[in-house]
Amino acid sequence: MLNVLYTELLKLKRSNIVWLAIIGAVLPALITTFGELGSMNWTELYINNLLFLNVMIGPMLLSMLAGFVVVREYSDNTINQLFVYPHRRVTILLAKMIVILLLSVIIFALNYVMIWLAGSLLGDQPIPGELLRTYTSAYLWMFALHALLIPLTMTAGIVGKSFIPPVVLGIIAILANMMAIQGVEDHVSERVAIVSYLPFGSTIVHLLDMIKSNVDQVVIHAVYPNGIAFVLFFIFNALYYTESEVHSGS
């Protein structure tokens, strides 16, 4: 397992995908900080950053990262060699998932540090301890819920064998997130309830409930749809990898 993981990490050294993760982490913090210039408020700074990161950047970035990790094997015509390695294909799949997870760690950790530094430099007051705990908890929850969606984002690339399906999935996820925000802000309980059953939308409903506490409808917790998606799509990916023909590269 360690050898396979090390091989997957070496592939990142020969690509710019790590820079994409870094840019995706820094961009929300920069835009949010720019909007707070002259009137910095810790609550607004964190809320706007979390929403921008998880609603707009996160879904598309996660889909693109997962797509890159699995699709480049098909685009570089190395999938045949990959499948004849003396390792179980499920092990290869797990290694790719861990790589995507590590990239996600970079995104959330770097964004967390960046927004804290920005607030500390711009503001004249330190962030209140209770507020820091609230938003640290929100970051951890968002990371965990996005991590559960890694198999789903990988499926788009594995089945589609190109970067287009992951991009399409990212766009669909952003639309679901916008529906969640609109439903919560407009207090449309039916819309919020429906979106809470969608893997990406439920994540945003949970985020809004944590940072704004204005989700007064009875909704399903985001762990359930995201957890179900993790199990179902992981099993599908494992079976797809196991049954793929070597000679066809599919």
C-alpha atoms as a PDB file:
ATOM      1  CA  MET A   1       0.000   0.000   0.000  1.00  0.00           C
ATOM      2  CA  LEU A   2       2.775   2.433   0.922  1.00  0.00           C
ATOM      3  CA  ASN A   3       4.596   1.782  -2.357  1.00  0.00           C
ATOM      4  CA  VAL A   4       1.435   2.449  -4.354  1.00  0.00           C
ATOM      5  CA  LEU A   5       0.740   5.634  -2.376  1.00  0.00           C
ATOM      6  CA  TYR A   6       4.315   6.792  -2.860  1.00  0.00           C
ATOM      7  CA  THR A   7       3.964   6.233  -6.608  1.00  0.00           C
ATOM      8  CA  GLU A   8       0.787   8.299  -6.716  1.00  0.00           C
ATOM      9  CA  LEU A   9       2.467  11.102  -4.777  1.00  0.00           C
ATOM     10  CA  LEU A  10       5.396  11.081  -7.193  1.00  0.00           C
ATOM     11  CA  LYS A  11       2.951  11.701 -10.036  1.00  0.00           C
ATOM     12  CA  LEU A  12       1.956  14.973  -8.348  1.00  0.00           C
ATOM     13  CA  LYS A  13       5.555  16.211  -8.510  1.00  0.00           C
ATOM     14  CA  ARG A  14       5.410  16.154 -12.298  1.00  0.00           C
ATOM     15  CA  SER A  15       2.181  18.160 -12.464  1.00  0.00           C
ATOM     16  CA  ASN A  16       0.811  21.553 -11.446  1.00  0.00           C
ATOM     17  CA  ILE A  17      -2.152  20.123  -9.559  1.00  0.00           C
ATOM     18  CA  VAL A  18      -0.706  21.066  -6.161  1.00  0.00           C
ATOM     19  CA  TRP A  19      -0.534  24.691  -7.307  1.00  0.00           C
ATOM     20  CA  LEU A  20      -4.197  24.454  -8.279  1.00  0.00           C
ATOM     21  CA  ALA A  21      -5.026  23.348  -4.735  1.00  0.00           C
ATOM     22  CA  ILE A  22      -2.978  26.205  -3.284  1.00  0.00           C
ATOM     23  CA  ILE A  23      -4.621  28.779  -5.531  1.00  0.00           C
ATOM     24  CA  GLY A  24      -8.047  27.369  -4.679  1.00  0.00           C
ATOM     25  CA  ALA A  25      -7.279  27.795  -0.979  1.00  0.00           C
ATOM     26  CA  VAL A  26      -5.810  31.290  -1.216  1.00  0.00           C
ATOM     27  CA  LEU A  27      -8.309  32.819  -3.653  1.00  0.00           C
ATOM     28  CA  PRO A  28     -11.371  32.825  -1.326  1.00  0.00           C
ATOM     29  CA  ALA A  29      -9.298  34.366   1.469  1.00  0.00           C
ATOM     30  CA  LEU A  30      -7.959  37.103  -0.790  1.00  0.00           C
ATOM     31  CA  ILE A  31     -11.349  38.026  -2.245  1.00  0.00           C
ATOM     32  CA  THR A  32     -13.006  37.976   1.177  1.00  0.00           C
ATOM     33  CA  THR A  33     -10.228  40.080   2.679  1.00  0.00           C
ATOM     34  CA  PHE A  34     -10.489  42.605  -0.158  1.00  0.00           C
ATOM     35  CA  GLY A  35     -14.200  42.979   0.584  1.00  0.00           C
ATOM     36  CA  GLU A  36     -13.480  43.648   4.258  1.00  0.00           C
ATOM     37  CA  LEU A  37     -10.869  46.360   3.723  1.00  0.00           C
ATOM     38  CA  GLY A  38     -11.705  49.422   5.783  1.00  0.00           C
ATOM     39  CA  SER A  39     -14.405  47.746   7.872  1.00  0.00           C
ATOM     40  CA  MET A  40     -13.021  44.411   9.043  1.00  0.00           C
ATOM     41  CA  ASN A  41     -15.401  42.316  11.108  1.00  0.00           C
ATOM     42  CA  TRP A  42     -14.357  38.864  12.271  1.00  0.00           C
ATOM     43  CA  THR A  43     -17.831  37.332  11.880  1.00  0.00           C
ATOM     44  CA  GLU A  44     -18.393  38.674   8.376  1.00  0.00           C
ATOM     45  CA  LEU A  45     -14.841  37.751   7.385  1.00  0.00           C
ATOM     46  CA  TYR A  46     -15.275  34.119   8.372  1.00  0.00           C
ATOM     47  CA  ILE A  47     -18.826  33.743   7.075  1.00  0.00           C
ATOM     48  CA  ASN A  48     -18.044  35.181   3.649  1.00  0.00           C
ATOM     49  CA  ASN A  49     -14.851  33.145   3.365  1.00  0.00           C
ATOM     50  CA  LEU A  50     -16.537  29.888   4.363  1.00  0.00           C
ATOM     51  CA  LEU A  51     -19.405  30.454   1.951  1.00  0.00           C
ATOM     52  CA  PHE A  52     -17.131  31.372  -0.938  1.00  0.00           C
ATOM     53  CA  LEU A  53     -14.841  28.410  -0.261  1.00  0.00           C
ATOM     54  CA  ASN A  54     -17.551  25.782   0.186  1.00  0.00           C
ATOM     55  CA  VAL A  55     -20.238  27.048  -2.175  1.00  0.00           C
ATOM     56  CA  MET A  56     -18.274  28.216  -5.216  1.00  0.00           C
ATOM     57  CA  ILE A  57     -14.674  26.991  -5.026  1.00  0.00           C
ATOM     58  CA  GLY A  58     -14.883  23.725  -3.086  1.00  0.00           C
ATOM     59  CA  PRO A  59     -17.217  21.648  -5.274  1.00  0.00           C
ATOM     60  CA  MET A  60     -15.532  22.532  -8.558  1.00  0.00           C
ATOM     61  CA  LEU A  61     -12.033  22.225  -7.106  1.00  0.00           C
ATOM     62  CA  LEU A  62     -12.750  18.845  -5.514  1.00  0.00           C
ATOM     63  CA  SER A  63     -14.201  17.546  -8.774  1.00  0.00           C
ATOM     64  CA  MET A  64     -11.228  18.812 -10.771  1.00  0.00           C
ATOM     65  CA  LEU A  65      -8.677  17.357  -8.350  1.00  0.00           C
ATOM     66  CA  ALA A  66     -10.400  13.973  -8.293  1.00  0.00           C
ATOM     67  CA  GLY A  67     -10.801  14.089 -12.055  1.00  0.00           C
ATOM     68  CA  PHE A  68      -7.122  14.832 -12.549  1.00  0.00           C
ATOM     69  CA  VAL A  69      -5.943  12.004 -10.303  1.00  0.00           C
ATOM     70  CA  VAL A  70      -7.990   9.347 -12.112  1.00  0.00           C
ATOM     71  CA  VAL A  71      -8.336  10.776 -15.633  1.00  0.00           C
ATOM     72  CA  ARG A  72      -4.655  11.350 -16.366  1.00  0.00           C
ATOM     73  CA  GLU A  73      -4.183   7.552 -16.377  1.00  0.00           C
ATOM     74  CA  TYR A  74      -6.533   7.417 -19.356  1.00  0.00           C
ATOM     75  CA  SER A  75      -5.316  10.575 -21.085  1.00  0.00           C
ATOM     76  CA  ASP A  76      -1.648   9.503 -20.741  1.00  0.00           C
ATOM     77  CA  ASN A  77      -2.494   5.928 -21.806  1.00  0.00           C
ATOM     78  CA  THR A  78      -0.957   4.486 -18.637  1.00  0.00           C
ATOM     79  CA  ILE A  79      -4.078   2.750 -17.378  1.00  0.00           C
ATOM     80  CA  ASN A  80      -3.027  -0.595 -18.866  1.00  0.00           C
ATOM     81  CA  GLN A  81       0.316  -0.486 -17.082  1.00  0.00           C
ATOM     82  CA  LEU A  82      -1.437   0.536 -13.883  1.00  0.00           C
ATOM     83  CA  PHE A  83      -3.775  -2.446 -13.991  1.00  0.00           C
ATOM     84  CA  VAL A  84      -0.982  -4.995 -14.543  1.00  0.00           C
ATOM     85  CA  TYR A  85       1.019  -3.819 -11.522  1.00  0.00           C
ATOM     86  CA  PRO A  86       1.426  -6.574  -8.876  1.00  0.00           C
ATOM     87  CA  HIS A  87      -1.024  -4.800  -6.587  1.00  0.00           C
ATOM     88  CA  ARG A  88      -4.723  -5.207  -6.016  1.00  0.00           C
ATOM     89  CA  ARG A  89      -6.756  -2.671  -7.941  1.00  0.00           C
ATOM     90  CA  VAL A  90      -8.651  -1.708  -4.795  1.00  0.00           C
ATOM     91  CA  THR A  91      -5.293  -0.753  -3.270  1.00  0.00           C
ATOM     92  CA  ILE A  92      -4.617   1.510  -6.246  1.00  0.00           C
ATOM     93  CA  LEU A  93      -8.060   3.058  -5.839  1.00  0.00           C
ATOM     94  CA  LEU A  94      -7.463   3.669  -2.125  1.00  0.00           C
ATOM     95  CA  ALA A  95      -4.106   5.284  -2.866  1.00  0.00           C
ATOM     96  CA  LYS A  96      -5.737   7.693  -5.289  1.00  0.00           C
ATOM     97  CA  MET A  97      -8.396   8.527  -2.690  1.00  0.00           C
ATOM     98  CA  ILE A  98      -5.725   9.275  -0.106  1.00  0.00           C
ATOM     99  CA  VAL A  99      -3.940  11.579  -2.568  1.00  0.00           C
ATOM    100  CA  ILE A 100      -7.166  13.512  -3.147  1.00  0.00           C
ATOM    101  CA  LEU A 101      -7.715  13.616   0.622  1.00  0.00           C
ATOM    102  CA  LEU A 102      -4.233  15.081   1.143  1.00  0.00           C
ATOM    103  CA  LEU A 103      -4.910  17.733  -1.480  1.00  0.00           C
ATOM    104  CA  SER A 104      -8.145  18.568   0.348  1.00  0.00           C
ATOM    105  CA  VAL A 105      -6.163  18.924   3.591  1.00  0.00           C
ATOM    106  CA  ILE A 106      -3.915  21.457   1.859  1.00  0.00           C
ATOM    107  CA  ILE A 107      -6.927  23.462   0.684  1.00  0.00           C
ATOM    108  CA  PHE A 108      -8.743  23.668   4.019  1.00  0.00           C
ATOM    109  CA  ALA A 109      -5.661  24.052   6.218  1.00  0.00           C
ATOM    110  CA  LEU A 110      -4.108  26.762   4.050  1.00  0.00           C
ATOM    111  CA  ASN A 111      -7.377  28.659   3.738  1.00  0.00           C
ATOM    112  CA  TYR A 112      -7.876  28.447   7.518  1.00  0.00           C
ATOM    113  CA  VAL A 113      -4.431  29.926   8.158  1.00  0.00           C
ATOM    114  CA  MET A 114      -4.775  32.579   5.445  1.00  0.00           C
ATOM    115  CA  ILE A 115      -8.085  33.960   6.674  1.00  0.00           C
ATOM    116  CA  TRP A 116      -6.858  34.030  10.277  1.00  0.00           C
ATOM    117  CA  LEU A 117      -3.702  35.902   9.259  1.00  0.00           C
ATOM    118  CA  ALA A 118      -5.726  38.339   7.146  1.00  0.00           C
ATOM    119  CA  GLY A 119      -8.074  39.105  10.015  1.00  0.00           C
ATOM    120  CA  SER A 120      -5.212  39.495  12.469  1.00  0.00           C
ATOM    121  CA  LEU A 121      -3.393  41.949  10.190  1.00  0.00           C
ATOM    122  CA  LEU A 122      -6.449  43.991   9.242  1.00  0.00           C
ATOM    123  CA  GLY A 123      -8.272  44.090  12.559  1.00  0.00           C
ATOM    124  CA  ASP A 124      -7.292  45.818  15.752  1.00  0.00           C
ATOM    125  CA  GLN A 125      -8.902  43.169  17.962  1.00  0.00           C
ATOM    126  CA  PRO A 126      -8.039  39.447  18.247  1.00  0.00           C
ATOM    127  CA  ILE A 127     -10.703  36.969  17.254  1.00  0.00           C
ATOM    128  CA  PRO A 128     -12.914  36.023  20.236  1.00  0.00           C
ATOM    129  CA  GLY A 129     -12.260  32.517  21.536  1.00  0.00           C
ATOM    130  CA  GLU A 130     -15.880  31.392  21.147  1.00  0.00           C
ATOM    131  CA  LEU A 131     -15.981  32.629  17.556  1.00  0.00           C
ATOM    132  CA  LEU A 132     -12.712  30.838  16.782  1.00  0.00           C
ATOM    133  CA  ARG A 133     -14.086  27.577  18.168  1.00  0.00           C
ATOM    134  CA  THR A 134     -17.278  27.949  16.120  1.00  0.00           C
ATOM    135  CA  TYR A 135     -15.471  28.470  12.848  1.00  0.00           C
ATOM    136  CA  THR A 136     -12.813  25.865  13.569  1.00  0.00           C
ATOM    137  CA  SER A 137     -15.638  23.390  14.069  1.00  0.00           C
ATOM    138  CA  ALA A 138     -17.205  24.564  10.798  1.00  0.00           C
ATOM    139  CA  TYR A 139     -13.916  24.025   8.940  1.00  0.00           C
ATOM    140  CA  LEU A 140     -13.531  20.518  10.363  1.00  0.00           C
ATOM    141  CA  TRP A 141     -17.100  19.616   9.453  1.00  0.00           C
ATOM    142  CA  MET A 142     -16.745  20.937   5.920  1.00  0.00           C
ATOM    143  CA  PHE A 143     -13.513  19.025   5.426  1.00  0.00           C
ATOM    144  CA  ALA A 144     -15.065  15.794   6.698  1.00  0.00           C
ATOM    145  CA  LEU A 145     -18.220  16.172   4.602  1.00  0.00           C
ATOM    146  CA  HIS A 146     -16.239  16.986   1.460  1.00  0.00           C
ATOM    147  CA  ALA A 147     -13.951  14.012   2.132  1.00  0.00           C
ATOM    148  CA  LEU A 148     -17.003  11.738   2.095  1.00  0.00           C
ATOM    149  CA  LEU A 149     -17.737  12.936  -1.448  1.00  0.00           C
ATOM    150  CA  ILE A 150     -14.349  11.917  -2.862  1.00  0.00           C
ATOM    151  CA  PRO A 151     -15.613   8.585  -4.323  1.00  0.00           C
ATOM    152  CA  LEU A 152     -18.489  10.426  -6.030  1.00  0.00           C
ATOM    153  CA  THR A 153     -16.157  12.915  -7.702  1.00  0.00           C
ATOM    154  CA  MET A 154     -13.811  10.083  -8.700  1.00  0.00           C
ATOM    155  CA  THR A 155     -16.665   8.214 -10.378  1.00  0.00           C
ATOM    156  CA  ALA A 156     -17.213  11.057 -12.827  1.00  0.00           C
ATOM    157  CA  GLY A 157     -13.622  10.760 -14.031  1.00  0.00           C
ATOM    158  CA  ILE A 158     -13.405   6.972 -13.920  1.00  0.00           C
ATOM    159  CA  VAL A 159     -16.540   6.414 -15.969  1.00  0.00           C
ATOM    160  CA  GLY A 160     -16.205   9.452 -18.232  1.00  0.00           C
ATOM    161  CA  LYS A 161     -12.435   8.972 -18.775  1.00  0.00           C
ATOM    162  CA  SER A 162     -12.067  12.706 -19.477  1.00  0.00           C
ATOM    163  CA  PHE A 163     -12.067  15.986 -17.554  1.00  0.00           C
ATOM    164  CA  ILE A 164     -15.487  17.041 -18.865  1.00  0.00           C
ATOM    165  CA  PRO A 165     -17.666  14.867 -16.550  1.00  0.00           C
ATOM    166  CA  PRO A 166     -15.881  16.088 -13.366  1.00  0.00           C
ATOM    167  CA  VAL A 167     -16.326  19.702 -14.495  1.00  0.00           C
ATOM    168  CA  VAL A 168     -20.016  19.071 -15.195  1.00  0.00           C
ATOM    169  CA  LEU A 169     -20.378  17.481 -11.758  1.00  0.00           C
ATOM    170  CA  GLY A 170     -18.738  20.538 -10.200  1.00  0.00           C
ATOM    171  CA  ILE A 171     -21.201  22.831 -11.952  1.00  0.00           C
ATOM    172  CA  ILE A 172     -24.153  20.721 -10.802  1.00  0.00           C
ATOM    173  CA  ALA A 173     -22.799  20.815  -7.236  1.00  0.00           C
ATOM    174  CA  ILE A 174     -22.524  24.609  -7.335  1.00  0.00           C
ATOM    175  CA  LEU A 175     -26.132  24.863  -8.535  1.00  0.00           C
ATOM    176  CA  ALA A 176     -27.256  22.586  -5.682  1.00  0.00           C
ATOM    177  CA  ASN A 177     -25.348  24.778  -3.235  1.00  0.00           C
ATOM    178  CA  MET A 178     -26.999  27.928  -4.597  1.00  0.00           C
ATOM    179  CA  MET A 179     -30.402  26.283  -4.212  1.00  0.00           C
ATOM    180  CA  ALA A 180     -29.539  25.507  -0.594  1.00  0.00           C
ATOM    181  CA  ILE A 181     -28.517  29.091   0.153  1.00  0.00           C
ATOM    182  CA  GLN A 182     -31.559  30.546  -1.581  1.00  0.00           C
ATOM    183  CA  GLY A 183     -33.897  28.165   0.225  1.00  0.00           C
ATOM    184  CA  VAL A 184     -32.432  28.978   3.632  1.00  0.00           C
ATOM    185  CA  GLU A 185     -32.332  32.741   3.054  1.00  0.00           C
ATOM    186  CA  ASP A 186     -35.916  32.758   1.718  1.00  0.00           C
ATOM    187  CA  HIS A 187     -37.104  30.375   4.457  1.00  0.00           C
ATOM    188  CA  VAL A 188     -38.593  27.974   1.904  1.00  0.00           C
ATOM    189  CA  SER A 189     -38.757  24.812   3.998  1.00  0.00           C
ATOM    190  CA  GLU A 190     -39.654  22.501   1.120  1.00  0.00           C
ATOM    191  CA  ARG A 191     -36.653  23.596  -0.943  1.00  0.00           C
ATOM    192  CA  VAL A 192     -34.282  23.270   2.018  1.00  0.00           C
ATOM    193  CA  ALA A 193     -35.651  19.824   2.863  1.00  0.00           C
ATOM    194  CA  ILE A 194     -35.137  18.596  -0.711  1.00  0.00           C
ATOM    195  CA  VAL A 195     -31.617  20.004  -0.992  1.00  0.00           C
ATOM    196  CA  SER A 196     -30.666  18.483   2.373  1.00  0.00           C
ATOM    197  CA  TYR A 197     -30.977  15.038   0.736  1.00  0.00           C
ATOM    198  CA  LEU A 198     -28.419  15.936  -1.955  1.00  0.00           C
ATOM    199  CA  PRO A 199     -24.754  15.180  -1.136  1.00  0.00           C
ATOM    200  CA  PHE A 200     -23.378  18.658  -1.920  1.00  0.00           C
ATOM    201  CA  GLY A 201     -26.459  20.674  -0.988  1.00  0.00           C
ATOM    202  CA  SER A 202     -26.755  19.027   2.423  1.00  0.00           C
ATOM    203  CA  THR A 203     -23.205  20.151   3.202  1.00  0.00           C
ATOM    204  CA  ILE A 204     -24.136  23.803   2.652  1.00  0.00           C
ATOM    205  CA  VAL A 205     -27.354  23.489   4.647  1.00  0.00           C
ATOM    206  CA  HIS A 206     -25.300  22.135   7.536  1.00  0.00           C
ATOM    207  CA  LEU A 207     -22.749  24.944   7.143  1.00  0.00           C
ATOM    208  CA  LEU A 208     -25.452  27.619   7.225  1.00  0.00           C
ATOM    209  CA  ASP A 209     -26.957  26.011  10.302  1.00  0.00           C
ATOM    210  CA  MET A 210     -23.577  26.138  12.064  1.00  0.00           C
ATOM    211  CA  ILE A 211     -22.585  29.706  11.236  1.00  0.00           C
ATOM    212  CA  LYS A 212     -25.949  31.463  10.985  1.00  0.00           C
ATOM    213  CA  SER A 213     -28.341  29.234  12.945  1.00  0.00           C
ATOM    214  CA  ASN A 214     -31.209  30.218  10.656  1.00  0.00           C
ATOM    215  CA  VAL A 215     -32.054  26.755   9.342  1.00  0.00           C
ATOM    216  CA  ASP A 216     -35.268  26.395  11.302  1.00  0.00           C
ATOM    217  CA  GLN A 217     -36.652  23.574   9.179  1.00  0.00           C
ATOM    218  CA  VAL A 218     -36.350  19.898  10.012  1.00  0.00           C
ATOM    219  CA  VAL A 219     -33.696  18.608   7.628  1.00  0.00           C
ATOM    220  CA  ILE A 220     -31.646  15.452   7.389  1.00  0.00           C
ATOM    221  CA  HIS A 221     -28.112  15.727   8.763  1.00  0.00           C
ATOM    222  CA  ALA A 222     -25.461  16.015   6.065  1.00  0.00           C
ATOM    223  CA  VAL A 223     -23.597  12.946   7.353  1.00  0.00           C
ATOM    224  CA  TYR A 224     -26.357  10.665   6.070  1.00  0.00           C
ATOM    225  CA  PRO A 225     -26.514  11.595   2.361  1.00  0.00           C
ATOM    226  CA  ASN A 226     -22.755  12.124   2.182  1.00  0.00           C
ATOM    227  CA  GLY A 227     -22.055   8.874   4.021  1.00  0.00           C
ATOM    228  CA  ILE A 228     -24.418   6.926   1.777  1.00  0.00           C
ATOM    229  CA  ALA A 229     -22.784   8.498  -1.277  1.00  0.00           C
ATOM    230  CA  PHE A 230     -19.355   7.492   0.046  1.00  0.00           C
ATOM    231  CA  VAL A 231     -20.309   3.843   0.501  1.00  0.00           C
ATOM    232  CA  LEU A 232     -22.240   3.462  -2.759  1.00  0.00           C
ATOM    233  CA  PHE A 233     -19.728   5.188  -5.019  1.00  0.00           C
ATOM    234  CA  PHE A 234     -16.735   3.565  -3.360  1.00  0.00           C
ATOM    235  CA  ILE A 235     -18.247   0.138  -3.979  1.00  0.00           C
ATOM    236  CA  PHE A 236     -19.073   1.112  -7.558  1.00  0.00           C
ATOM    237  CA  ASN A 237     -15.544   2.406  -8.198  1.00  0.00           C
ATOM    238  CA  ALA A 238     -13.974  -0.696  -6.683  1.00  0.00           C
ATOM    239  CA  LEU A 239     -16.116  -2.986  -8.830  1.00  0.00           C
ATOM    240  CA  TYR A 240     -15.484  -0.878 -11.928  1.00  0.00           C
ATOM    241  CA  TYR A 241     -11.725  -0.976 -11.396  1.00  0.00           C
ATOM    242  CA  THR A 242     -11.795  -4.701 -10.673  1.00  0.00           C
ATOM    243  CA  GLU A 243     -13.837  -5.574 -13.768  1.00  0.00           C
ATOM    244  CA  SER A 244     -12.071  -3.238 -16.201  1.00  0.00           C
ATOM    245  CA  GLU A 245     -10.393  -4.938 -19.116  1.00  0.00           C
ATOM    246  CA  VAL A 246      -6.662  -4.375 -19.364  1.00  0.00           C
ATOM    247  CA  HIS A 247      -6.353  -4.592 -23.134  1.00  0.00           C
ATOM    248  CA  SER A 248      -8.992  -1.934 -23.782  1.00  0.00           C
ATOM    249  CA  GLY A 249      -7.641   0.572 -21.270  1.00  0.00           C
ATOM    250  CA  SER A 250     -11.086   1.024 -19.788  1.00  0.00           C
END
